[in-house]
C-alpha atoms as a PDB file:
ATOM      1  CA  MET A   1      12.374   5.637 -13.489  1.00  0.00           C
ATOM      2  CA  VAL A   2      10.387   5.837 -10.300  1.00  0.00           C
ATOM      3  CA  ALA A   3       6.786   4.955  -9.461  1.00  0.00           C
ATOM      4  CA  GLY A   4       4.892   6.113  -6.400  1.00  0.00           C
ATOM      5  CA  VAL A   5       1.469   4.942  -5.245  1.00  0.00           C
ATOM      6  CA  GLN A   6      -0.707   6.226  -2.432  1.00  0.00           C
ATOM      7  CA  ILE A   7      -3.402   3.775  -1.374  1.00  0.00           C
ATOM      8  CA  GLU A   8      -6.085   4.923   1.042  1.00  0.00           C
ATOM      9  CA  LEU A   9      -7.628   2.062   2.999  1.00  0.00           C
ATOM     10  CA  PHE A  10     -10.557   1.437   5.319  1.00  0.00           C
ATOM     11  CA  LEU A  11     -10.025  -1.267   7.951  1.00  0.00           C
ATOM     12  CA  PRO A  12     -13.562  -2.238   9.040  1.00  0.00           C
ATOM     13  CA  ALA A  13     -12.642  -4.971  11.514  1.00  0.00           C
ATOM     14  CA  CYS A  14     -10.281  -2.845  13.624  1.00  0.00           C
ATOM     15  CA  GLN A  15     -11.517  -1.958  17.084  1.00  0.00           C
ATOM     16  CA  ASN A  16      -8.332  -0.258  18.329  1.00  0.00           C
ATOM     17  CA  LEU A  17      -4.911   0.992  17.235  1.00  0.00           C
ATOM     18  CA  LYS A  18      -3.202  -2.260  18.215  1.00  0.00           C
ATOM     19  CA  GLU A  19      -5.322  -4.226  15.721  1.00  0.00           C
ATOM     20  CA  LYS A  20      -4.755  -1.587  13.026  1.00  0.00           C
ATOM     21  CA  ARG A  21      -0.991  -1.615  13.502  1.00  0.00           C
ATOM     22  CA  ALA A  22      -0.901  -5.415  13.277  1.00  0.00           C
ATOM     23  CA  ILE A  23      -2.792  -5.405   9.969  1.00  0.00           C
ATOM     24  CA  VAL A  24      -0.795  -2.521   8.493  1.00  0.00           C
ATOM     25  CA  LYS A  25       2.553  -3.977   9.600  1.00  0.00           C
ATOM     26  CA  SER A  26       1.662  -7.365   8.132  1.00  0.00           C
ATOM     27  CA  LEU A  27       0.501  -5.853   4.835  1.00  0.00           C
ATOM     28  CA  ILE A  28       3.616  -3.678   4.500  1.00  0.00           C
ATOM     29  CA  GLY A  29       5.855  -6.679   5.214  1.00  0.00           C
ATOM     30  CA  LYS A  30       4.113  -8.754   2.554  1.00  0.00           C
ATOM     31  CA  LEU A  31       4.397  -5.941   0.009  1.00  0.00           C
ATOM     32  CA  ARG A  32       8.102  -5.465   0.702  1.00  0.00           C
ATOM     33  CA  SER A  33       8.961  -9.145   0.404  1.00  0.00           C
ATOM     34  CA  ARG A  34       6.662 -10.078  -2.479  1.00  0.00           C
ATOM     35  CA  PHE A  35       7.207  -7.066  -4.747  1.00  0.00           C
ATOM     36  CA  ASN A  36      10.542  -5.636  -3.543  1.00  0.00           C
ATOM     37  CA  VAL A  37       9.061  -2.160  -3.027  1.00  0.00           C
ATOM     38  CA  SER A  38       9.425   0.448  -0.315  1.00  0.00           C
ATOM     39  CA  ALA A  39       6.252   0.890   1.708  1.00  0.00           C
ATOM     40  CA  ALA A  40       5.154   2.861   4.759  1.00  0.00           C
ATOM     41  CA  GLU A  41       2.062   4.177   6.507  1.00  0.00           C
ATOM     42  CA  MET A  42       1.809   7.843   5.593  1.00  0.00           C
ATOM     43  CA  THR A  43      -1.213   9.404   7.303  1.00  0.00           C
ATOM     44  CA  TYR A  44      -3.892   8.825   9.934  1.00  0.00           C
ATOM     45  CA  PRO A  45      -1.567   7.164  12.478  1.00  0.00           C
ATOM     46  CA  GLU A  46      -4.055   7.645  15.316  1.00  0.00           C
ATOM     47  CA  GLN A  47      -7.269   6.686  13.484  1.00  0.00           C
ATOM     48  CA  TRP A  48      -7.958   3.002  13.937  1.00  0.00           C
ATOM     49  CA  GLN A  49     -10.047   2.290  10.825  1.00  0.00           C
ATOM     50  CA  ARG A  50      -8.297   4.383   8.189  1.00  0.00           C
ATOM     51  CA  THR A  51      -4.803   4.617   6.732  1.00  0.00           C
ATOM     52  CA  VAL A  52      -2.841   5.680   3.668  1.00  0.00           C
ATOM     53  CA  LEU A  53       0.048   3.561   2.479  1.00  0.00           C
ATOM     54  CA  GLY A  54       2.858   5.033   0.401  1.00  0.00           C
ATOM     55  CA  ILE A  55       4.564   2.586  -1.929  1.00  0.00           C
ATOM     56  CA  ALA A  56       7.539   3.295  -4.209  1.00  0.00           C
ATOM     57  CA  ALA A  57       9.557   1.305  -6.730  1.00  0.00           C
ATOM     58  CA  VAL A  58      12.485   1.973  -9.044  1.00  0.00           C
ATOM     59  CA  ALA A  59      13.216   0.252 -12.371  1.00  0.00           C
ATOM     60  CA  ASN A  60      14.815   0.934 -15.721  1.00  0.00           C
ATOM     61  CA  GLU A  61      11.641   0.280 -17.781  1.00  0.00           C
ATOM     62  CA  MET A  62       8.349   2.152 -17.502  1.00  0.00           C
ATOM     63  CA  SER A  63       6.302  -0.855 -18.638  1.00  0.00           C
ATOM     64  CA  PHE A  64       7.748  -2.974 -15.826  1.00  0.00           C
ATOM     65  CA  LEU A  65       6.949  -0.271 -13.259  1.00  0.00           C
ATOM     66  CA  GLN A  66       3.373   0.017 -14.500  1.00  0.00           C
ATOM     67  CA  GLN A  67       2.841  -3.744 -14.300  1.00  0.00           C
ATOM     68  CA  GLU A  68       4.434  -3.891 -10.858  1.00  0.00           C
ATOM     69  CA  MET A  69       2.295  -1.077  -9.459  1.00  0.00           C
ATOM     70  CA  GLN A  70      -0.870  -2.629 -10.897  1.00  0.00           C
ATOM     71  CA  ALA A  71       0.065  -5.928  -9.239  1.00  0.00           C
ATOM     72  CA  VAL A  72       0.685  -4.130  -5.929  1.00  0.00           C
ATOM     73  CA  VAL A  73      -2.723  -2.436  -6.060  1.00  0.00           C
ATOM     74  CA  ARG A  74      -4.449  -5.750  -6.909  1.00  0.00           C
ATOM     75  CA  PHE A  75      -2.636  -7.434  -4.017  1.00  0.00           C
ATOM     76  CA  VAL A  76      -3.768  -4.770  -1.542  1.00  0.00           C
ATOM     77  CA  GLU A  77      -7.288  -4.769  -2.980  1.00  0.00           C
ATOM     78  CA  ASN A  78      -7.556  -8.543  -2.430  1.00  0.00           C
ATOM     79  CA  HIS A  79      -6.239  -8.439   1.139  1.00  0.00           C
ATOM     80  CA  PRO A  80      -9.048  -9.729   3.390  1.00  0.00           C
ATOM     81  CA  ASP A  81      -8.741  -7.151   6.196  1.00  0.00           C
ATOM     82  CA  VAL A  82      -8.891  -3.950   4.134  1.00  0.00           C
ATOM     83  CA  GLU A  83     -11.191  -2.087   1.759  1.00  0.00           C
ATOM     84  CA  LEU A  84      -9.667   0.109  -0.922  1.00  0.00           C
ATOM     85  CA  ILE A  85     -10.921   3.707  -0.882  1.00  0.00           C
ATOM     86  CA  ARG A  86      -8.607   5.506  -3.310  1.00  0.00           C
ATOM     87  CA  VAL A  87      -5.459   4.942  -5.370  1.00  0.00           C
ATOM     88  CA  ASP A  88      -3.172   7.662  -6.734  1.00  0.00           C
ATOM     89  CA  THR A  89      -0.257   6.607  -8.936  1.00  0.00           C
ATOM     90  CA  GLU A  90       2.555   8.795 -10.250  1.00  0.00           C
ATOM     91  CA  TYR A  91       5.475   7.970 -12.514  1.00  0.00           C
ATOM     92  CA  TYR A  92       8.736   9.910 -12.882  1.00  0.00           C
ATOM     93  CA  GLU A  93      11.459   9.508 -15.480  1.00  0.00           C
END
């Protein structure tokens, strides 16, 4: 089973692309190490206050995937440098 999440974020403190990339790179690294998921910036690479992260995970139980994706979204939502705009989650068997 596979879970995919798209999280659209607003980065209010960013004044340039260098600051945005530092925040996004740090957040992606934390997600990968803490939750063992695949994560990448998907859209808006040249806008310095907006991004969409794509996050994916694979497991053999749907309940585990749902809990893991909820934990990932909570983690991103509580990150101090970002504001959550939208979350889209999809599950595949």
